[in-house]
C-alpha atoms as a PDB file:
ATOM      1  CA  UNK A   1     102.028  32.894 172.502  1.00  0.00           C
ATOM      2  CA  UNK A   2     105.282  34.781 172.954  1.00  0.00           C
ATOM      3  CA  UNK A   3     104.551  37.295 170.172  1.00  0.00           C
ATOM      4  CA  UNK A   4     101.543  38.505 172.210  1.00  0.00           C
ATOM      5  CA  UNK A   5     103.686  38.940 175.330  1.00  0.00           C
ATOM      6  CA  UNK A   6     106.306  40.911 173.382  1.00  0.00           C
ATOM      7  CA  UNK A   7     103.717  43.112 171.671  1.00  0.00           C
ATOM      8  CA  UNK A   8     101.937  43.832 174.956  1.00  0.00           C
ATOM      9  CA  UNK A   9     105.206  45.105 176.457  1.00  0.00           C
ATOM     10  CA  UNK A  10     106.131  47.119 173.355  1.00  0.00           C
ATOM     11  CA  UNK A  11     102.721  48.832 173.196  1.00  0.00           C
ATOM     12  CA  UNK A  12     102.384  49.344 176.941  1.00  0.00           C
ATOM     13  CA  UNK A  13      99.327  47.084 177.045  1.00  0.00           C
ATOM     14  CA  UNK A  14      97.448  48.707 174.145  1.00  0.00           C
ATOM     15  CA  UNK A  15      97.564  45.414 172.216  1.00  0.00           C
ATOM     16  CA  UNK A  16      97.582  42.196 174.195  1.00  0.00           C
ATOM     17  CA  UNK A  17      97.040  39.283 171.840  1.00  0.00           C
ATOM     18  CA  UNK A  18      98.052  38.337 168.306  1.00  0.00           C
ATOM     19  CA  UNK A  19      96.344  35.555 166.364  1.00  0.00           C
ATOM     20  CA  UNK A  20      96.926  34.247 162.860  1.00  0.00           C
ATOM     21  CA  UNK A  21      93.876  34.068 160.619  1.00  0.00           C
ATOM     22  CA  UNK A  22      93.929  32.126 157.351  1.00  0.00           C
ATOM     23  CA  UNK A  23      91.702  33.560 154.642  1.00  0.00           C
ATOM     24  CA  UNK A  24      91.421  33.053 150.901  1.00  0.00           C
ATOM     25  CA  UNK A  25      93.612  36.113 150.426  1.00  0.00           C
ATOM     26  CA  UNK A  26      96.359  34.707 152.659  1.00  0.00           C
ATOM     27  CA  UNK A  27      97.571  34.699 156.232  1.00  0.00           C
ATOM     28  CA  UNK A  28      96.628  37.730 158.307  1.00  0.00           C
ATOM     29  CA  UNK A  29      97.637  38.693 161.820  1.00  0.00           C
ATOM     30  CA  UNK A  30      94.758  39.758 164.046  1.00  0.00           C
ATOM     31  CA  UNK A  31      95.654  42.019 166.959  1.00  0.00           C
ATOM     32  CA  UNK A  32      93.439  42.388 170.016  1.00  0.00           C
ATOM     33  CA  UNK A  33      93.200  45.521 172.119  1.00  0.00           C
ATOM     34  CA  UNK A  34      94.151  45.328 175.794  1.00  0.00           C
ATOM     35  CA  UNK A  35      90.580  44.698 176.900  1.00  0.00           C
ATOM     36  CA  UNK A  36      90.324  41.898 174.260  1.00  0.00           C
ATOM     37  CA  UNK A  37      86.979  43.204 173.096  1.00  0.00           C
ATOM     38  CA  UNK A  38      88.095  44.094 169.610  1.00  0.00           C
ATOM     39  CA  UNK A  39      90.352  42.369 167.075  1.00  0.00           C
ATOM     40  CA  UNK A  40      91.871  44.365 164.226  1.00  0.00           C
ATOM     41  CA  UNK A  41      93.814  43.147 161.198  1.00  0.00           C
ATOM     42  CA  UNK A  42      97.434  44.202 161.581  1.00  0.00           C
ATOM     43  CA  UNK A  43      97.526  45.682 158.079  1.00  0.00           C
ATOM     44  CA  UNK A  44      94.779  48.145 159.115  1.00  0.00           C
ATOM     45  CA  UNK A  45      96.954  49.650 161.873  1.00  0.00           C
ATOM     46  CA  UNK A  46      99.554  52.407 161.584  1.00  0.00           C
ATOM     47  CA  UNK A  47     102.945  51.695 160.003  1.00  0.00           C
ATOM     48  CA  UNK A  48     104.560  52.078 163.415  1.00  0.00           C
ATOM     49  CA  UNK A  49     102.249  49.526 165.032  1.00  0.00           C
ATOM     50  CA  UNK A  50     102.752  47.148 162.092  1.00  0.00           C
ATOM     51  CA  UNK A  51     106.523  47.508 162.557  1.00  0.00           C
ATOM     52  CA  UNK A  52     106.079  46.688 166.262  1.00  0.00           C
ATOM     53  CA  UNK A  53     103.968  43.605 165.495  1.00  0.00           C
ATOM     54  CA  UNK A  54     106.497  42.296 163.000  1.00  0.00           C
ATOM     55  CA  UNK A  55     109.422  42.969 165.328  1.00  0.00           C
ATOM     56  CA  UNK A  56     107.604  41.026 168.071  1.00  0.00           C
ATOM     57  CA  UNK A  57     107.027  38.220 165.552  1.00  0.00           C
ATOM     58  CA  UNK A  58     110.701  38.161 164.511  1.00  0.00           C
ATOM     59  CA  UNK A  59     111.809  38.139 168.145  1.00  0.00           C
ATOM     60  CA  UNK A  60     109.499  35.170 168.795  1.00  0.00           C
ATOM     61  CA  UNK A  61     110.773  33.364 165.718  1.00  0.00           C
ATOM     62  CA  UNK A  62     114.354  33.938 166.854  1.00  0.00           C
ATOM     63  CA  UNK A  63     113.495  32.274 170.169  1.00  0.00           C
ATOM     64  CA  UNK A  64     112.086  29.253 168.336  1.00  0.00           C
ATOM     65  CA  UNK A  65     114.851  28.677 165.790  1.00  0.00           C
ATOM     66  CA  UNK A  66     117.840  29.378 168.047  1.00  0.00           C
ATOM     67  CA  UNK A  67     116.869  26.908 170.806  1.00  0.00           C
ATOM     68  CA  UNK A  68     118.184  29.120 173.614  1.00  0.00           C
ATOM     69  CA  UNK A  69     121.360  30.236 171.821  1.00  0.00           C
ATOM     70  CA  UNK A  70     121.808  33.957 171.406  1.00  0.00           C
ATOM     71  CA  UNK A  71     123.302  34.977 168.071  1.00  0.00           C
ATOM     72  CA  UNK A  72     124.314  38.609 167.535  1.00  0.00           C
ATOM     73  CA  UNK A  73     121.501  40.830 166.299  1.00  0.00           C
ATOM     74  CA  UNK A  74     122.121  43.447 163.624  1.00  0.00           C
ATOM     75  CA  UNK A  75     119.307  45.963 163.234  1.00  0.00           C
ATOM     76  CA  UNK A  76     119.057  48.782 160.688  1.00  0.00           C
ATOM     77  CA  UNK A  77     117.058  51.688 162.148  1.00  0.00           C
ATOM     78  CA  UNK A  78     114.390  49.335 163.518  1.00  0.00           C
ATOM     79  CA  UNK A  79     112.419  51.940 165.468  1.00  0.00           C
ATOM     80  CA  UNK A  80     112.242  54.662 162.823  1.00  0.00           C
ATOM     81  CA  UNK A  81     108.421  54.904 162.995  1.00  0.00           C
ATOM     82  CA  UNK A  82     108.075  54.390 166.774  1.00  0.00           C
ATOM     83  CA  UNK A  83     107.007  57.102 169.185  1.00  0.00           C
ATOM     84  CA  UNK A  84     109.322  57.726 172.135  1.00  0.00           C
ATOM     85  CA  UNK A  85     107.298  55.640 174.628  1.00  0.00           C
ATOM     86  CA  UNK A  86     107.110  52.551 172.446  1.00  0.00           C
ATOM     87  CA  UNK A  87     110.749  52.885 171.476  1.00  0.00           C
ATOM     88  CA  UNK A  88     111.703  52.968 175.175  1.00  0.00           C
ATOM     89  CA  UNK A  89     109.420  49.962 175.879  1.00  0.00           C
ATOM     90  CA  UNK A  90     111.015  48.033 173.029  1.00  0.00           C
ATOM     91  CA  UNK A  91     114.547  48.832 174.144  1.00  0.00           C
ATOM     92  CA  UNK A  92     113.743  47.697 177.689  1.00  0.00           C
ATOM     93  CA  UNK A  93     112.198  44.466 176.372  1.00  0.00           C
ATOM     94  CA  UNK A  94     115.272  43.819 174.238  1.00  0.00           C
ATOM     95  CA  UNK A  95     117.561  44.537 177.193  1.00  0.00           C
ATOM     96  CA  UNK A  96     115.651  41.929 179.212  1.00  0.00           C
ATOM     97  CA  UNK A  97     115.634  39.316 176.459  1.00  0.00           C
ATOM     98  CA  UNK A  98     119.084  39.839 174.983  1.00  0.00           C
ATOM     99  CA  UNK A  99     121.231  40.884 177.951  1.00  0.00           C
ATOM    100  CA  UNK A 100     123.796  38.182 177.088  1.00  0.00           C
ATOM    101  CA  UNK A 101     123.670  38.835 173.367  1.00  0.00           C
ATOM    102  CA  UNK A 102     125.391  41.413 171.190  1.00  0.00           C
ATOM    103  CA  UNK A 103     122.869  43.800 169.623  1.00  0.00           C
ATOM    104  CA  UNK A 104     124.088  46.359 167.107  1.00  0.00           C
ATOM    105  CA  UNK A 105     121.912  49.176 165.755  1.00  0.00           C
ATOM    106  CA  UNK A 106     122.857  51.024 162.600  1.00  0.00           C
ATOM    107  CA  UNK A 107     121.362  54.477 162.225  1.00  0.00           C
ATOM    108  CA  UNK A 108     121.960  57.937 160.803  1.00  0.00           C
ATOM    109  CA  UNK A 109     120.260  59.712 163.718  1.00  0.00           C
ATOM    110  CA  UNK A 110     121.186  60.212 167.353  1.00  0.00           C
ATOM    111  CA  UNK A 111     117.690  59.317 168.624  1.00  0.00           C
ATOM    112  CA  UNK A 112     118.897  56.014 170.105  1.00  0.00           C
ATOM    113  CA  UNK A 113     122.033  57.325 171.807  1.00  0.00           C
ATOM    114  CA  UNK A 114     120.411  57.686 175.243  1.00  0.00           C
ATOM    115  CA  UNK A 115     119.692  53.948 175.267  1.00  0.00           C
ATOM    116  CA  UNK A 116     123.137  52.850 174.126  1.00  0.00           C
ATOM    117  CA  UNK A 117     125.873  51.339 176.217  1.00  0.00           C
ATOM    118  CA  UNK A 118     128.348  52.535 173.572  1.00  0.00           C
ATOM    119  CA  UNK A 119     128.085  54.804 170.522  1.00  0.00           C
ATOM    120  CA  UNK A 120     130.502  54.704 167.616  1.00  0.00           C
ATOM    121  CA  UNK A 121     130.417  57.401 164.963  1.00  0.00           C
ATOM    122  CA  UNK A 122     131.855  56.168 161.703  1.00  0.00           C
ATOM    123  CA  UNK A 123     134.565  58.486 160.318  1.00  0.00           C
ATOM    124  CA  UNK A 124     133.641  60.594 157.315  1.00  0.00           C
ATOM    125  CA  UNK A 125     129.896  60.183 157.809  1.00  0.00           C
ATOM    126  CA  UNK A 126     127.100  61.569 159.886  1.00  0.00           C
ATOM    127  CA  UNK A 127     126.030  58.014 160.697  1.00  0.00           C
ATOM    128  CA  UNK A 128     126.293  56.050 163.940  1.00  0.00           C
ATOM    129  CA  UNK A 129     126.779  52.371 164.636  1.00  0.00           C
ATOM    130  CA  UNK A 130     126.213  51.270 168.192  1.00  0.00           C
ATOM    131  CA  UNK A 131     125.667  48.256 170.347  1.00  0.00           C
ATOM    132  CA  UNK A 132     122.502  49.660 171.848  1.00  0.00           C
ATOM    133  CA  UNK A 133     121.117  47.044 174.146  1.00  0.00           C
ATOM    134  CA  UNK A 134     123.374  45.650 176.841  1.00  0.00           C
ATOM    135  CA  UNK A 135     125.788  44.285 174.281  1.00  0.00           C
ATOM    136  CA  UNK A 136     128.495  41.941 175.417  1.00  0.00           C
ATOM    137  CA  UNK A 137     131.983  42.910 174.322  1.00  0.00           C
ATOM    138  CA  UNK A 138     133.452  40.675 171.656  1.00  0.00           C
END
């Protein structure tokens, strides 16, 4: 399952498998630790890890619905809760997956600048807009 592969790269191997579990209360994502000995419900993990799981899920869904096409990606501060290591892992994963795709990050912080190919500061604001991940020029 591609979501598991993405999450394993984002978390540096901490979580290696994601399964969907249907219960009376709804659909829940179960996340397995790297040694696969323990499964944890995603909603019991930190906000940052939940964000990483759902980003991996959205990336997998994008692969399925776009049938190999690469639409531009617009992301609004997607790594706000990530630690530096997982943010770097995610950026490298996105560079690998979307090297021929335009990816634009909107943010009001300069935390992502070191990963960007180009940074644009919007006039009259303290905010940045940047194609952060190997973006193709349009």
